[in-house]
């Protein structure tokens, strides 16, 4: 997903270099106009995702679960459009049709729901009376959800464009904070009105707005502390993490970093960091 988003955003950025002005016109919206091709790419990704998610018909579907002793076939009843639950969403349907159900992740996060296990919110044995979809595979980094992630990349590169074109601290912060707060407000409204709930597995539009807005606020806070107030020394470790972001991601995602941290303990292995 990271490679796909970076590729799309980088291609648009590279092909439109000669089509944008080097000096922005006065006005708040001038930076959006200058990078209209980038925003067009993000908008196209948004339209593809929203149209597919809410208009694609998801029929009933089946899957097979094999154990050492037996093979069982389960059927998930759908026959609907615009469903955002774990069973009948268009995100999963697209992946089943494109990649094939045998190529999807077998342990989706929804297996920790109360409907699926008594161990909820932790993972545990699937309940005997659990719905069939509790045992179904689902790809958390699937095709359709990765398309909307392009919009996340578009917003991220916008923060970088601000850094290039605006030289004053106040100008940069006004741009960053305003769009970040706007995104957060949109996300909160969409989520709490149940219009589009924040859902990482589906990479919903409200999730894009919330994460991009939160990132903008956090980025602005660090900018004030480090670039404006010159508190660089206490944050040098974050600078190293930022310059080695993929390494840190792999260490965390594969459990290497938590294992290292928990390897240090006092007297008993129960007293770890």
Protein backbone atom coordinates (compact mmCIF):
# COMPACT_ATOMS: atom_id res chain seq x y z
CA UNK A 1 0.00 0.00 0.00
CA UNK A 2 2.79 2.44 0.90
CA UNK A 3 4.57 1.68 -2.38
CA UNK A 4 1.38 2.04 -4.44
CA UNK A 5 0.43 5.39 -2.89
CA UNK A 6 3.98 6.74 -3.16
CA UNK A 7 4.18 5.64 -6.80
CA UNK A 8 0.91 7.32 -7.83
CA UNK A 9 1.61 10.55 -5.96
CA UNK A 10 5.22 10.68 -7.19
CA UNK A 11 4.18 10.14 -10.82
CA UNK A 12 1.65 12.99 -10.66
CA UNK A 13 4.19 15.24 -8.94
CA UNK A 14 6.87 14.47 -11.54
CA UNK A 15 4.70 14.84 -14.63
CA UNK A 16 3.22 18.18 -13.53
CA UNK A 17 6.44 19.90 -12.44
CA UNK A 18 6.53 22.22 -15.46
CA UNK A 19 2.81 22.98 -15.29
CA UNK A 20 2.74 24.70 -11.92
CA UNK A 21 3.97 28.20 -11.04
CA UNK A 22 7.16 28.66 -9.04
CA UNK A 23 5.66 31.66 -7.23
CA UNK A 24 2.17 31.48 -5.77
CA UNK A 25 -0.46 34.11 -6.30
CA UNK A 26 -1.73 35.96 -3.20
CA UNK A 27 -4.55 34.26 -1.34
CA UNK A 28 -5.15 31.21 0.81
CA UNK A 29 -6.36 28.99 -2.04
CA UNK A 30 -3.45 29.71 -4.39
CA UNK A 31 -1.50 26.65 -3.25
CA UNK A 32 -4.49 24.42 -4.03
CA UNK A 33 -4.78 25.96 -7.50
CA UNK A 34 -1.05 25.53 -8.17
CA UNK A 35 -1.26 21.83 -7.35
CA UNK A 36 -4.64 21.18 -8.93
CA UNK A 37 -3.38 18.02 -10.69
CA UNK A 38 -2.40 16.44 -7.37
CA UNK A 39 -5.78 17.23 -5.88
CA UNK A 40 -7.48 15.94 -9.03
CA UNK A 41 -5.68 12.63 -8.53
CA UNK A 42 -6.86 12.48 -4.92
CA UNK A 43 -10.40 13.37 -5.98
CA UNK A 44 -10.46 10.62 -8.63
CA UNK A 45 -9.35 8.11 -5.99
CA UNK A 46 -12.11 9.40 -3.70
CA UNK A 47 -14.77 9.06 -6.40
CA UNK A 48 -13.68 5.53 -7.34
CA UNK A 49 -13.75 4.41 -3.71
CA UNK A 50 -17.04 6.04 -2.73
CA UNK A 51 -18.86 5.00 -5.90
CA UNK A 52 -17.73 1.41 -5.61
CA UNK A 53 -18.31 1.17 -1.86
CA UNK A 54 -21.87 2.43 -1.94
CA UNK A 55 -23.15 1.28 -5.34
CA UNK A 56 -21.53 -2.13 -5.93
CA UNK A 57 -23.93 -5.02 -5.35
CA UNK A 58 -22.44 -7.65 -3.01
CA UNK A 59 -24.02 -11.09 -3.55
CA UNK A 60 -23.97 -14.07 -1.21
CA UNK A 61 -20.57 -15.71 -1.02
CA UNK A 62 -18.98 -18.88 0.32
CA UNK A 63 -15.61 -19.93 1.70
CA UNK A 64 -14.01 -23.10 2.99
CA UNK A 65 -12.21 -23.60 6.31
CA UNK A 66 -9.91 -26.61 6.52
CA UNK A 67 -8.60 -28.21 9.71
CA UNK A 68 -6.64 -31.39 10.37
CA UNK A 69 -9.84 -33.36 10.81
CA UNK A 70 -12.37 -31.82 8.45
CA UNK A 71 -13.21 -29.25 5.80
CA UNK A 72 -16.25 -27.04 6.29
CA UNK A 73 -17.93 -24.72 3.82
CA UNK A 74 -19.63 -21.58 5.10
CA UNK A 75 -22.00 -19.22 3.31
CA UNK A 76 -22.37 -15.52 4.05
CA UNK A 77 -25.75 -14.05 3.18
CA UNK A 78 -25.50 -10.58 1.62
CA UNK A 79 -27.42 -9.40 -1.43
CA UNK A 80 -27.08 -5.70 -0.66
CA UNK A 81 -25.30 -2.45 -1.47
CA UNK A 82 -23.52 0.12 0.68
CA UNK A 83 -23.02 -2.15 3.68
CA UNK A 84 -20.05 -1.19 5.90
CA UNK A 85 -20.11 -4.18 8.24
CA UNK A 86 -17.57 -7.02 8.17
CA UNK A 87 -19.72 -9.45 6.17
CA UNK A 88 -21.00 -7.67 3.06
CA UNK A 89 -18.82 -4.64 2.33
CA UNK A 90 -17.67 -3.87 -1.20
CA UNK A 91 -14.02 -3.65 -0.09
CA UNK A 92 -13.93 -7.37 0.69
CA UNK A 93 -16.00 -8.26 -2.38
CA UNK A 94 -13.56 -6.53 -4.73
CA UNK A 95 -10.61 -8.39 -3.20
CA UNK A 96 -12.41 -11.74 -3.42
CA UNK A 97 -13.16 -11.14 -7.10
CA UNK A 98 -9.75 -9.73 -8.08
CA UNK A 99 -7.29 -11.73 -5.98
CA UNK A 100 -9.37 -14.77 -5.11
CA UNK A 101 -10.54 -15.72 -1.65
CA UNK A 102 -7.59 -18.08 -1.08
CA UNK A 103 -5.17 -15.15 -1.28
CA UNK A 104 -6.76 -13.09 1.51
CA UNK A 105 -5.67 -12.71 5.12
CA UNK A 106 -7.15 -15.48 7.27
CA UNK A 107 -7.15 -13.70 10.65
CA UNK A 108 -8.98 -10.36 10.24
CA UNK A 109 -9.35 -8.05 13.22
CA UNK A 110 -13.13 -8.56 13.37
CA UNK A 111 -12.53 -12.03 14.84
CA UNK A 112 -12.06 -10.20 18.16
CA UNK A 113 -15.64 -8.88 18.16
CA UNK A 114 -18.07 -10.05 20.85
CA UNK A 115 -20.16 -11.75 18.19
CA UNK A 116 -17.16 -13.92 17.29
CA UNK A 117 -15.36 -14.75 20.55
CA UNK A 118 -15.91 -14.73 24.30
CA UNK A 119 -12.36 -13.33 24.66
CA UNK A 120 -13.36 -9.99 23.10
CA UNK A 121 -11.72 -7.48 22.76
CA UNK A 122 -8.76 -9.88 22.66
CA UNK A 123 -8.44 -12.70 20.16
CA UNK A 124 -9.61 -16.15 21.16
CA UNK A 125 -11.42 -19.26 20.06
CA UNK A 126 -14.36 -18.66 17.71
CA UNK A 127 -17.73 -19.16 19.40
CA UNK A 128 -19.84 -22.10 18.25
CA UNK A 129 -22.81 -19.78 17.65
CA UNK A 130 -20.68 -17.14 15.87
CA UNK A 131 -21.89 -15.83 12.49
CA UNK A 132 -20.25 -17.45 9.48
CA UNK A 133 -18.35 -14.28 8.57
CA UNK A 134 -16.33 -14.55 11.81
CA UNK A 135 -14.33 -17.33 10.16
CA UNK A 136 -14.06 -15.61 6.78
CA UNK A 137 -10.84 -14.16 5.35
CA UNK A 138 -10.44 -10.44 4.71
CA UNK A 139 -7.56 -8.41 3.32
CA UNK A 140 -6.91 -5.33 5.53
CA UNK A 141 -4.64 -3.81 2.84
CA UNK A 142 -6.86 -4.61 -0.12
CA UNK A 143 -7.23 -3.05 -3.55
CA UNK A 144 -10.18 -0.71 -3.06
CA UNK A 145 -9.07 0.59 0.33
CA UNK A 146 -5.56 1.19 -1.02
CA UNK A 147 -7.05 3.36 -3.76
CA UNK A 148 -8.49 5.74 -1.18
CA UNK A 149 -5.12 5.76 0.58
CA UNK A 150 -3.95 7.80 -2.42
CA UNK A 151 -6.00 10.65 -0.97
CA UNK A 152 -4.01 10.30 2.27
CA UNK A 153 -0.83 10.65 0.24
CA UNK A 154 -2.23 13.69 -1.55
CA UNK A 155 -2.94 15.44 1.75
CA UNK A 156 0.49 14.49 3.04
CA UNK A 157 2.28 15.94 0.04
CA UNK A 158 0.19 19.11 0.46
CA UNK A 159 1.82 19.59 3.87
CA UNK A 160 5.17 19.36 2.08
CA UNK A 161 4.13 21.88 -0.57
CA UNK A 162 3.32 24.34 2.21
CA UNK A 163 6.83 23.89 3.56
CA UNK A 164 8.30 24.70 0.14
CA UNK A 165 6.25 27.76 -0.79
CA UNK A 166 5.75 29.51 2.56
CA UNK A 167 8.86 30.69 4.39
CA UNK A 168 7.38 32.31 7.50
CA UNK A 169 6.47 30.26 10.55
CA UNK A 170 3.05 31.86 10.95
CA UNK A 171 2.17 31.33 7.26
CA UNK A 172 3.10 27.65 7.40
CA UNK A 173 1.26 27.03 10.64
CA UNK A 174 -1.85 28.81 9.39
CA UNK A 175 -1.94 26.54 6.34
CA UNK A 176 -1.26 23.33 8.24
CA UNK A 177 -3.54 23.93 11.21
CA UNK A 178 -6.46 25.19 9.14
CA UNK A 179 -6.63 22.19 6.82
CA UNK A 180 -5.92 19.79 9.70
CA UNK A 181 -8.74 21.18 11.83
CA UNK A 182 -11.06 21.14 8.83
CA UNK A 183 -10.30 17.47 8.20
CA UNK A 184 -10.80 16.59 11.87
CA UNK A 185 -14.16 18.37 11.96
CA UNK A 186 -15.33 16.54 8.83
CA UNK A 187 -14.21 13.20 10.27
CA UNK A 188 -15.94 13.76 13.61
CA UNK A 189 -19.20 14.83 11.96
CA UNK A 190 -19.20 11.86 9.58
CA UNK A 191 -18.40 9.41 12.37
CA UNK A 192 -20.80 10.55 15.09
CA UNK A 193 -23.69 11.00 12.65
CA UNK A 194 -23.06 7.41 11.45
CA UNK A 195 -22.86 8.71 7.91
CA UNK A 196 -19.37 7.24 7.37
CA UNK A 197 -17.91 5.72 10.56
CA UNK A 198 -14.14 5.78 11.11
CA UNK A 199 -12.98 2.33 10.01
CA UNK A 200 -9.34 1.44 9.41
CA UNK A 201 -10.12 -1.96 7.88
CA UNK A 202 -12.25 -0.36 5.17
CA UNK A 203 -10.05 2.77 5.07
CA UNK A 204 -13.20 4.86 5.13
CA UNK A 205 -13.22 8.50 4.06
CA UNK A 206 -13.72 9.60 7.67
CA UNK A 207 -10.65 7.53 8.60
CA UNK A 208 -8.62 9.37 5.94
CA UNK A 209 -9.81 12.74 7.24
CA UNK A 210 -9.19 11.88 10.89
CA UNK A 211 -5.69 10.45 10.44
CA UNK A 212 -4.59 13.19 8.03
CA UNK A 213 -6.00 15.89 10.30
CA UNK A 214 -4.41 14.41 13.42
CA UNK A 215 -1.09 14.10 11.57
CA UNK A 216 -1.28 17.78 10.60
CA UNK A 217 -1.89 18.86 14.19
CA UNK A 218 0.93 16.69 15.59
CA UNK A 219 3.27 17.89 12.83
CA UNK A 220 2.42 21.52 13.64
CA UNK A 221 3.09 20.98 17.35
CA UNK A 222 6.52 19.49 16.67
CA UNK A 223 7.23 22.30 14.21
CA UNK A 224 6.55 24.86 16.93
CA UNK A 225 8.70 23.03 19.50
CA UNK A 226 11.65 22.26 17.23
CA UNK A 227 11.73 24.89 14.45
CA UNK A 228 10.15 27.88 16.19
CA UNK A 229 11.24 27.41 19.82
CA UNK A 230 14.48 25.62 18.86
CA UNK A 231 14.01 22.67 21.25
CA UNK A 232 15.86 20.32 18.93
CA UNK A 233 18.07 18.33 21.32
CA UNK A 234 15.24 16.61 23.27
CA UNK A 235 13.73 15.40 20.00
CA UNK A 236 16.82 14.12 18.20
CA UNK A 237 15.63 10.54 18.66
CA UNK A 238 12.46 11.40 16.71
CA UNK A 239 14.62 12.83 13.95
CA UNK A 240 16.43 9.49 13.68
CA UNK A 241 13.11 7.63 13.66
CA UNK A 242 11.80 9.90 10.89
CA UNK A 243 14.91 9.29 8.77
CA UNK A 244 14.50 5.52 9.21
CA UNK A 245 10.71 5.30 9.16
CA UNK A 246 10.45 2.03 7.19
CA UNK A 247 12.98 0.31 9.47
CA UNK A 248 11.03 1.37 12.56
CA UNK A 249 7.79 0.21 10.93
CA UNK A 250 9.21 -3.25 10.21
CA UNK A 251 10.68 -3.58 13.71
CA UNK A 252 7.31 -2.69 15.22
CA UNK A 253 5.05 -4.60 12.86
CA UNK A 254 7.06 -7.83 13.15
CA UNK A 255 7.23 -7.67 16.95
CA UNK A 256 11.01 -7.19 17.04
CA UNK A 257 10.93 -3.84 18.84
CA UNK A 258 8.37 -4.93 21.51
CA UNK A 259 10.37 -8.13 22.09
CA UNK A 260 13.54 -6.09 22.61
CA UNK A 261 11.84 -3.67 25.01
CA UNK A 262 10.21 -6.46 27.00
CA UNK A 263 13.54 -8.29 27.14
CA UNK A 264 14.63 -5.87 29.88
CA UNK A 265 13.11 -6.65 33.25
CA UNK A 266 13.67 -6.26 37.01
CA UNK A 267 13.96 -9.47 39.09
CA UNK A 268 11.04 -11.15 37.30
CA UNK A 269 10.01 -11.41 33.66
CA UNK A 270 6.65 -9.98 34.74
CA UNK A 271 8.38 -6.66 35.54
CA UNK A 272 9.31 -5.63 32.00
CA UNK A 273 9.50 -2.16 30.54
